[in-house]
Amino acid sequence: MSHKRIIFILSLVVTIGIAFIPVLGIRYDNGISYHGFPADVFAYYGNRGWSVQSLGPFFNIAFYYVIFLLLYKMGMKIKNATV
C-alpha cells in the first residue's frame, strides 16, 4: 500500500474521530451541536435531526491529508539526512 493511500485513510479516520471529541470537536450554538474541527462535519439538532455540512468533511480530510503529508516528507528528509 502506498504512503499516499495510508495518509488518506489516516486523515479520514482523524476527521471522523475528532468530530466526537467533546472539548475539541463539538461546539454548541442555539441548541444545535456542531461536530468537527476545523470545519463542521455534521450538525445535530436535538430532536433526532441531523445533517451533514456541505463542504466541511471534504475540507477536513484535505486539511489533515496535507498536514500528514508534510509530516511524512519531513520525517523522510530527517531519516535520509541521518543515514
PDB file of N, CA and C in Angstrom:
ATOM      1  N   MET A   1       0.851  -1.168   0.000  1.00  0.00           N
ATOM      2  CA  MET A   1       0.000   0.000   0.000  1.00  0.00           C
ATOM      3  C   MET A   1       0.900   1.234   0.000  1.00  0.00           C
ATOM      4  N   SER A   2       0.591   2.189  -0.859  1.00  0.00           N
ATOM      5  CA  SER A   2       1.433   3.375  -0.967  1.00  0.00           C
ATOM      6  C   SER A   2       1.218   4.309   0.231  1.00  0.00           C
ATOM      7  N   HIS A   3       2.214   5.153   0.440  1.00  0.00           N
ATOM      8  CA  HIS A   3       2.122   6.075   1.575  1.00  0.00           C
ATOM      9  C   HIS A   3       0.989   7.074   1.399  1.00  0.00           C
ATOM     10  N   LYS A   4       0.643   7.429   0.173  1.00  0.00           N
ATOM     11  CA  LYS A   4      -0.445   8.381  -0.051  1.00  0.00           C
ATOM     12  C   LYS A   4      -1.795   7.781   0.336  1.00  0.00           C
ATOM     13  N   ARG A   5      -1.983   6.504   0.060  1.00  0.00           N
ATOM     14  CA  ARG A   5      -3.235   5.842   0.435  1.00  0.00           C
ATOM     15  C   ARG A   5      -3.338   5.721   1.954  1.00  0.00           C
ATOM     16  N   ILE A   6      -2.224   5.401   2.595  1.00  0.00           N
ATOM     17  CA  ILE A   6      -2.213   5.300   4.054  1.00  0.00           C
ATOM     18  C   ILE A   6      -2.497   6.659   4.683  1.00  0.00           C
ATOM     19  N   ILE A   7      -1.912   7.714   4.138  1.00  0.00           N
ATOM     20  CA  ILE A   7      -2.150   9.061   4.662  1.00  0.00           C
ATOM     21  C   ILE A   7      -3.608   9.460   4.463  1.00  0.00           C
ATOM     22  N   PHE A   8      -4.203   9.091   3.322  1.00  0.00           N
ATOM     23  CA  PHE A   8      -5.617   9.395   3.093  1.00  0.00           C
ATOM     24  C   PHE A   8      -6.511   8.687   4.106  1.00  0.00           C
ATOM     25  N   ILE A   9      -6.253   7.405   4.337  1.00  0.00           N
ATOM     26  CA  ILE A   9      -7.057   6.651   5.304  1.00  0.00           C
ATOM     27  C   ILE A   9      -6.877   7.231   6.699  1.00  0.00           C
ATOM     28  N   LEU A  10      -5.654   7.598   7.054  1.00  0.00           N
ATOM     29  CA  LEU A  10      -5.392   8.216   8.356  1.00  0.00           C
ATOM     30  C   LEU A  10      -6.129   9.545   8.499  1.00  0.00           C
ATOM     31  N   SER A  11      -6.140  10.368   7.449  1.00  0.00           N
ATOM     32  CA  SER A  11      -6.847  11.647   7.526  1.00  0.00           C
ATOM     33  C   SER A  11      -8.351  11.440   7.625  1.00  0.00           C
ATOM     34  N   LEU A  12      -8.888  10.417   6.981  1.00  0.00           N
ATOM     35  CA  LEU A  12     -10.312  10.098   7.087  1.00  0.00           C
ATOM     36  C   LEU A  12     -10.668   9.671   8.501  1.00  0.00           C
ATOM     37  N   VAL A  13      -9.845   8.815   9.099  1.00  0.00           N
ATOM     38  CA  VAL A  13     -10.085   8.354  10.467  1.00  0.00           C
ATOM     39  C   VAL A  13      -9.976   9.506  11.460  1.00  0.00           C
ATOM     40  N   VAL A  14      -8.991  10.368  11.281  1.00  0.00           N
ATOM     41  CA  VAL A  14      -8.817  11.504  12.190  1.00  0.00           C
ATOM     42  C   VAL A  14      -9.988  12.482  12.060  1.00  0.00           C
ATOM     43  N   THR A  15     -10.467  12.719  10.844  1.00  0.00           N
ATOM     44  CA  THR A  15     -11.622  13.605  10.638  1.00  0.00           C
ATOM     45  C   THR A  15     -12.844  13.089  11.385  1.00  0.00           C
ATOM     46  N   ILE A  16     -13.110  11.797  11.286  1.00  0.00           N
ATOM     47  CA  ILE A  16     -14.260  11.211  11.973  1.00  0.00           C
ATOM     48  C   ILE A  16     -14.028  11.193  13.480  1.00  0.00           C
ATOM     49  N   GLY A  17     -12.818  10.843  13.903  1.00  0.00           N
ATOM     50  CA  GLY A  17     -12.513  10.751  15.334  1.00  0.00           C
ATOM     51  C   GLY A  17     -12.586  12.084  16.053  1.00  0.00           C
ATOM     52  N   ILE A  18     -12.047  13.130  15.444  1.00  0.00           N
ATOM     53  CA  ILE A  18     -12.055  14.438  16.091  1.00  0.00           C
ATOM     54  C   ILE A  18     -13.467  14.999  16.200  1.00  0.00           C
ATOM     55  N   ALA A  19     -14.359  14.596  15.310  1.00  0.00           N
ATOM     56  CA  ALA A  19     -15.743  15.081  15.373  1.00  0.00           C
ATOM     57  C   ALA A  19     -16.441  14.661  16.661  1.00  0.00           C
ATOM     58  N   PHE A  20     -15.945  13.636  17.335  1.00  0.00           N
ATOM     59  CA  PHE A  20     -16.605  13.147  18.546  1.00  0.00           C
ATOM     60  C   PHE A  20     -15.822  13.436  19.824  1.00  0.00           C
ATOM     61  N   ILE A  21     -14.743  14.200  19.749  1.00  0.00           N
ATOM     62  CA  ILE A  21     -14.005  14.598  20.950  1.00  0.00           C
ATOM     63  C   ILE A  21     -14.728  15.800  21.549  1.00  0.00           C
ATOM     64  N   PRO A  22     -15.224  15.684  22.780  1.00  0.00           N
ATOM     65  CA  PRO A  22     -16.072  16.738  23.345  1.00  0.00           C
ATOM     66  C   PRO A  22     -15.419  18.120  23.439  1.00  0.00           C
ATOM     67  N   VAL A  23     -14.187  18.207  23.849  1.00  0.00           N
ATOM     68  CA  VAL A  23     -13.572  19.512  24.055  1.00  0.00           C
ATOM     69  C   VAL A  23     -13.147  20.140  22.736  1.00  0.00           C
ATOM     70  N   LEU A  24     -12.640  19.350  21.824  1.00  0.00           N
ATOM     71  CA  LEU A  24     -12.083  19.875  20.588  1.00  0.00           C
ATOM     72  C   LEU A  24     -13.079  19.884  19.436  1.00  0.00           C
ATOM     73  N   GLY A  25     -13.820  18.801  19.257  1.00  0.00           N
ATOM     74  CA  GLY A  25     -14.605  18.643  18.050  1.00  0.00           C
ATOM     75  C   GLY A  25     -16.061  19.023  18.129  1.00  0.00           C
ATOM     76  N   ILE A  26     -16.576  19.372  19.309  1.00  0.00           N
ATOM     77  CA  ILE A  26     -18.001  19.670  19.430  1.00  0.00           C
ATOM     78  C   ILE A  26     -18.190  21.090  19.952  1.00  0.00           C
ATOM     79  N   ARG A  27     -19.042  21.848  19.275  1.00  0.00           N
ATOM     80  CA  ARG A  27     -19.400  23.180  19.781  1.00  0.00           C
ATOM     81  C   ARG A  27     -20.915  23.327  19.701  1.00  0.00           C
ATOM     82  N   TYR A  28     -21.450  24.124  20.617  1.00  0.00           N
ATOM     83  CA  TYR A  28     -22.903  24.304  20.719  1.00  0.00           C
ATOM     84  C   TYR A  28     -23.264  25.741  20.359  1.00  0.00           C
ATOM     85  N   ASP A  29     -24.348  25.893  19.599  1.00  0.00           N
ATOM     86  CA  ASP A  29     -24.809  27.218  19.196  1.00  0.00           C
ATOM     87  C   ASP A  29     -26.333  27.167  19.061  1.00  0.00           C
ATOM     88  N   ASN A  30     -27.037  27.857  19.942  1.00  0.00           N
ATOM     89  CA  ASN A  30     -28.504  27.927  19.936  1.00  0.00           C
ATOM     90  C   ASN A  30     -29.167  26.550  19.954  1.00  0.00           C
ATOM     91  N   GLY A  31     -28.672  25.656  20.784  1.00  0.00           N
ATOM     92  CA  GLY A  31     -29.259  24.336  20.923  1.00  0.00           C
ATOM     93  C   GLY A  31     -28.855  23.334  19.863  1.00  0.00           C
ATOM     94  N   ILE A  32     -28.022  23.742  18.936  1.00  0.00           N
ATOM     95  CA  ILE A  32     -27.549  22.852  17.882  1.00  0.00           C
ATOM     96  C   ILE A  32     -26.095  22.505  18.187  1.00  0.00           C
ATOM     97  N   SER A  33     -25.759  21.227  18.120  1.00  0.00           N
ATOM     98  CA  SER A  33     -24.361  20.846  18.333  1.00  0.00           C
ATOM     99  C   SER A  33     -23.709  20.566  16.987  1.00  0.00           C
ATOM    100  N   TYR A  34     -22.618  21.265  16.744  1.00  0.00           N
ATOM    101  CA  TYR A  34     -21.848  21.100  15.518  1.00  0.00           C
ATOM    102  C   TYR A  34     -20.625  20.255  15.832  1.00  0.00           C
ATOM    103  N   HIS A  35     -20.352  19.271  14.995  1.00  0.00           N
ATOM    104  CA  HIS A  35     -19.255  18.341  15.226  1.00  0.00           C
ATOM    105  C   HIS A  35     -18.220  18.478  14.121  1.00  0.00           C
ATOM    106  N   GLY A  36     -16.954  18.562  14.522  1.00  0.00           N
ATOM    107  CA  GLY A  36     -15.863  18.621  13.566  1.00  0.00           C
ATOM    108  C   GLY A  36     -14.898  19.738  13.890  1.00  0.00           C
ATOM    109  N   PHE A  37     -13.649  19.559  13.468  1.00  0.00           N
ATOM    110  CA  PHE A  37     -12.629  20.585  13.635  1.00  0.00           C
ATOM    111  C   PHE A  37     -11.634  20.442  12.516  1.00  0.00           C
ATOM    112  N   PRO A  38     -11.236  21.464  11.842  1.00  0.00           N
ATOM    113  CA  PRO A  38     -11.516  22.884  11.964  1.00  0.00           C
ATOM    114  C   PRO A  38     -12.854  23.292  11.344  1.00  0.00           C
ATOM    115  N   ALA A  39     -13.381  22.517  10.402  1.00  0.00           N
ATOM    116  CA  ALA A  39     -14.692  22.836   9.821  1.00  0.00           C
ATOM    117  C   ALA A  39     -15.736  21.862  10.375  1.00  0.00           C
ATOM    118  N   ASP A  40     -16.997  22.253  10.315  1.00  0.00           N
ATOM    119  CA  ASP A  40     -18.076  21.400  10.817  1.00  0.00           C
ATOM    120  C   ASP A  40     -18.313  20.246   9.844  1.00  0.00           C
ATOM    121  N   VAL A  41     -18.364  19.030  10.393  1.00  0.00           N
ATOM    122  CA  VAL A  41     -18.621  17.850   9.578  1.00  0.00           C
ATOM    123  C   VAL A  41     -20.116  17.568   9.526  1.00  0.00           C
ATOM    124  N   PHE A  42     -20.780  17.582  10.685  1.00  0.00           N
ATOM    125  CA  PHE A  42     -22.230  17.432  10.703  1.00  0.00           C
ATOM    126  C   PHE A  42     -22.807  18.174  11.893  1.00  0.00           C
ATOM    127  N   ALA A  43     -24.125  18.384  11.855  1.00  0.00           N
ATOM    128  CA  ALA A  43     -24.835  19.101  12.910  1.00  0.00           C
ATOM    129  C   ALA A  43     -25.950  18.226  13.442  1.00  0.00           C
ATOM    130  N   TYR A  44     -26.155  18.276  14.771  1.00  0.00           N
ATOM    131  CA  TYR A  44     -27.233  17.531  15.424  1.00  0.00           C
ATOM    132  C   TYR A  44     -28.198  18.540  16.030  1.00  0.00           C
ATOM    133  N   TYR A  45     -29.476  18.451  15.677  1.00  0.00           N
ATOM    134  CA  TYR A  45     -30.462  19.437  16.071  1.00  0.00           C
ATOM    135  C   TYR A  45     -31.199  19.109  17.361  1.00  0.00           C
ATOM    136  N   GLY A  46     -30.979  17.966  17.954  1.00  0.00           N
ATOM    137  CA  GLY A  46     -31.569  17.646  19.242  1.00  0.00           C
ATOM    138  C   GLY A  46     -32.877  16.896  19.168  1.00  0.00           C
ATOM    139  N   ASN A  47     -33.629  17.054  18.142  1.00  0.00           N
ATOM    140  CA  ASN A  47     -34.902  16.336  18.007  1.00  0.00           C
ATOM    141  C   ASN A  47     -34.750  15.179  17.021  1.00  0.00           C
ATOM    142  N   ARG A  48     -33.649  14.490  17.147  1.00  0.00           N
ATOM    143  CA  ARG A  48     -33.261  13.379  16.293  1.00  0.00           C
ATOM    144  C   ARG A  48     -33.024  13.788  14.854  1.00  0.00           C
ATOM    145  N   GLY A  49     -32.808  15.041  14.625  1.00  0.00           N
ATOM    146  CA  GLY A  49     -32.487  15.518  13.290  1.00  0.00           C
ATOM    147  C   GLY A  49     -31.013  15.853  13.188  1.00  0.00           C
ATOM    148  N   TRP A  50     -30.405  15.495  12.092  1.00  0.00           N
ATOM    149  CA  TRP A  50     -29.008  15.817  11.875  1.00  0.00           C
ATOM    150  C   TRP A  50     -28.791  16.061  10.388  1.00  0.00           C
ATOM    151  N   SER A  51     -27.693  16.722  10.081  1.00  0.00           N
ATOM    152  CA  SER A  51     -27.365  16.968   8.683  1.00  0.00           C
ATOM    153  C   SER A  51     -25.853  16.985   8.516  1.00  0.00           C
ATOM    154  N   VAL A  52     -25.424  16.579   7.359  1.00  0.00           N
ATOM    155  CA  VAL A  52     -24.007  16.655   7.012  1.00  0.00           C
ATOM    156  C   VAL A  52     -23.773  18.027   6.399  1.00  0.00           C
ATOM    157  N   GLN A  53     -22.762  18.708   6.881  1.00  0.00           N
ATOM    158  CA  GLN A  53     -22.451  20.028   6.348  1.00  0.00           C
ATOM    159  C   GLN A  53     -21.883  19.873   4.943  1.00  0.00           C
ATOM    160  N   SER A  54     -22.053  20.875   4.111  1.00  0.00           N
ATOM    161  CA  SER A  54     -21.769  20.719   2.685  1.00  0.00           C
ATOM    162  C   SER A  54     -20.301  20.439   2.366  1.00  0.00           C
ATOM    163  N   LEU A  55     -19.412  21.317   2.731  1.00  0.00           N
ATOM    164  CA  LEU A  55     -18.009  21.139   2.368  1.00  0.00           C
ATOM    165  C   LEU A  55     -17.110  20.829   3.554  1.00  0.00           C
ATOM    166  N   GLY A  56     -17.646  20.772   4.741  1.00  0.00           N
ATOM    167  CA  GLY A  56     -16.849  20.533   5.933  1.00  0.00           C
ATOM    168  C   GLY A  56     -16.067  19.236   5.918  1.00  0.00           C
ATOM    169  N   PRO A  57     -16.699  18.097   5.593  1.00  0.00           N
ATOM    170  CA  PRO A  57     -15.939  16.847   5.572  1.00  0.00           C
ATOM    171  C   PRO A  57     -14.800  16.853   4.550  1.00  0.00           C
ATOM    172  N   PHE A  58     -15.048  17.404   3.369  1.00  0.00           N
ATOM    173  CA  PHE A  58     -14.006  17.452   2.349  1.00  0.00           C
ATOM    174  C   PHE A  58     -12.852  18.352   2.770  1.00  0.00           C
ATOM    175  N   PHE A  59     -13.178  19.494   3.363  1.00  0.00           N
ATOM    176  CA  PHE A  59     -12.137  20.398   3.833  1.00  0.00           C
ATOM    177  C   PHE A  59     -11.301  19.743   4.920  1.00  0.00           C
ATOM    178  N   ASN A  60     -11.950  19.086   5.883  1.00  0.00           N
ATOM    179  CA  ASN A  60     -11.213  18.457   6.982  1.00  0.00           C
ATOM    180  C   ASN A  60     -10.314  17.334   6.484  1.00  0.00           C
ATOM    181  N   ILE A  61     -10.809  16.515   5.580  1.00  0.00           N
ATOM    182  CA  ILE A  61      -9.985  15.432   5.036  1.00  0.00           C
ATOM    183  C   ILE A  61      -8.782  16.011   4.305  1.00  0.00           C
ATOM    184  N   ALA A  62      -8.993  17.032   3.488  1.00  0.00           N
ATOM    185  CA  ALA A  62      -7.877  17.662   2.773  1.00  0.00           C
ATOM    186  C   ALA A  62      -6.910  18.337   3.748  1.00  0.00           C
ATOM    187  N   PHE A  63      -7.430  18.987   4.770  1.00  0.00           N
ATOM    188  CA  PHE A  63      -6.604  19.665   5.773  1.00  0.00           C
ATOM    189  C   PHE A  63      -5.680  18.679   6.481  1.00  0.00           C
ATOM    190  N   TYR A  64      -6.244  17.580   6.981  1.00  0.00           N
ATOM    191  CA  TYR A  64      -5.429  16.590   7.685  1.00  0.00           C
ATOM    192  C   TYR A  64      -4.511  15.837   6.725  1.00  0.00           C
ATOM    193  N   TYR A  65      -4.936  15.646   5.475  1.00  0.00           N
ATOM    194  CA  TYR A  65      -4.084  14.999   4.483  1.00  0.00           C
ATOM    195  C   TYR A  65      -2.818  15.824   4.255  1.00  0.00           C
ATOM    196  N   VAL A  66      -2.979  17.122   4.083  1.00  0.00           N
ATOM    197  CA  VAL A  66      -1.826  17.992   3.858  1.00  0.00           C
ATOM    198  C   VAL A  66      -0.905  17.987   5.079  1.00  0.00           C
ATOM    199  N   ILE A  67      -1.472  18.034   6.274  1.00  0.00           N
ATOM    200  CA  ILE A  67      -0.653  18.015   7.487  1.00  0.00           C
ATOM    201  C   ILE A  67       0.133  16.714   7.584  1.00  0.00           C
ATOM    202  N   PHE A  68      -0.532  15.579   7.390  1.00  0.00           N
ATOM    203  CA  PHE A  68       0.155  14.292   7.487  1.00  0.00           C
ATOM    204  C   PHE A  68       1.172  14.100   6.363  1.00  0.00           C
ATOM    205  N   LEU A  69       0.874  14.612   5.177  1.00  0.00           N
ATOM    206  CA  LEU A  69       1.823  14.520   4.072  1.00  0.00           C
ATOM    207  C   LEU A  69       3.077  15.334   4.369  1.00  0.00           C
ATOM    208  N   LEU A  70       2.910  16.536   4.916  1.00  0.00           N
ATOM    209  CA  LEU A  70       4.070  17.350   5.288  1.00  0.00           C
ATOM    210  C   LEU A  70       4.888  16.686   6.387  1.00  0.00           C
ATOM    211  N   LEU A  71       4.203  16.089   7.363  1.00  0.00           N
ATOM    212  CA  LEU A  71       4.918  15.372   8.421  1.00  0.00           C
ATOM    213  C   LEU A  71       5.683  14.177   7.849  1.00  0.00           C
ATOM    214  N   TYR A  72       5.090  13.483   6.903  1.00  0.00           N
ATOM    215  CA  TYR A  72       5.754  12.349   6.269  1.00  0.00           C
ATOM    216  C   TYR A  72       7.012  12.803   5.521  1.00  0.00           C
ATOM    217  N   LYS A  73       6.880  13.898   4.756  1.00  0.00           N
ATOM    218  CA  LYS A  73       8.024  14.398   3.998  1.00  0.00           C
ATOM    219  C   LYS A  73       9.135  14.884   4.921  1.00  0.00           C
ATOM    220  N   MET A  74       8.767  15.557   6.006  1.00  0.00           N
ATOM    221  CA  MET A  74       9.794  15.987   6.966  1.00  0.00           C
ATOM    222  C   MET A  74      10.463  14.784   7.606  1.00  0.00           C
ATOM    223  N   GLY A  75       9.690  13.767   7.939  1.00  0.00           N
ATOM    224  CA  GLY A  75      10.250  12.555   8.518  1.00  0.00           C
ATOM    225  C   GLY A  75      11.206  11.850   7.563  1.00  0.00           C
ATOM    226  N   MET A  76      10.846  11.797   6.282  1.00  0.00           N
ATOM    227  CA  MET A  76      11.725  11.173   5.296  1.00  0.00           C
ATOM    228  C   MET A  76      12.991  12.000   5.096  1.00  0.00           C
ATOM    229  N   LYS A  77      12.861  13.323   5.145  1.00  0.00           N
ATOM    230  CA  LYS A  77      14.027  14.185   4.992  1.00  0.00           C
ATOM    231  C   LYS A  77      14.991  13.991   6.165  1.00  0.00           C
ATOM    232  N   ILE A  78      14.437  13.914   7.366  1.00  0.00           N
ATOM    233  CA  ILE A  78      15.267  13.696   8.562  1.00  0.00           C
ATOM    234  C   ILE A  78      15.895  12.309   8.516  1.00  0.00           C
ATOM    235  N   LYS A  79      15.131  11.309   8.090  1.00  0.00           N
ATOM    236  CA  LYS A  79      15.645   9.942   8.017  1.00  0.00           C
ATOM    237  C   LYS A  79      16.790   9.852   7.017  1.00  0.00           C
ATOM    238  N   ASN A  80      16.633  10.488   5.860  1.00  0.00           N
ATOM    239  CA  ASN A  80      17.677  10.450   4.822  1.00  0.00           C
ATOM    240  C   ASN A  80      18.903  11.264   5.231  1.00  0.00           C
ATOM    241  N   ALA A  81      18.715  12.295   6.045  1.00  0.00           N
ATOM    242  CA  ALA A  81      19.842  13.123   6.466  1.00  0.00           C
ATOM    243  C   ALA A  81      20.692  12.401   7.517  1.00  0.00           C
ATOM    244  N   THR A  82      20.089  11.525   8.306  1.00  0.00           N
ATOM    245  CA  THR A  82      20.826  10.842   9.362  1.00  0.00           C
ATOM    246  C   THR A  82      21.499   9.564   8.860  1.00  0.00           C
ATOM    247  N   VAL A  83      21.096   9.065   7.701  1.00  0.00           N
ATOM    248  CA  VAL A  83      21.670   7.798   7.190  1.00  0.00           C
ATOM    249  C   VAL A  83      22.952   8.032   6.500  1.00  0.00           C
TER     250      VAL A  83
END
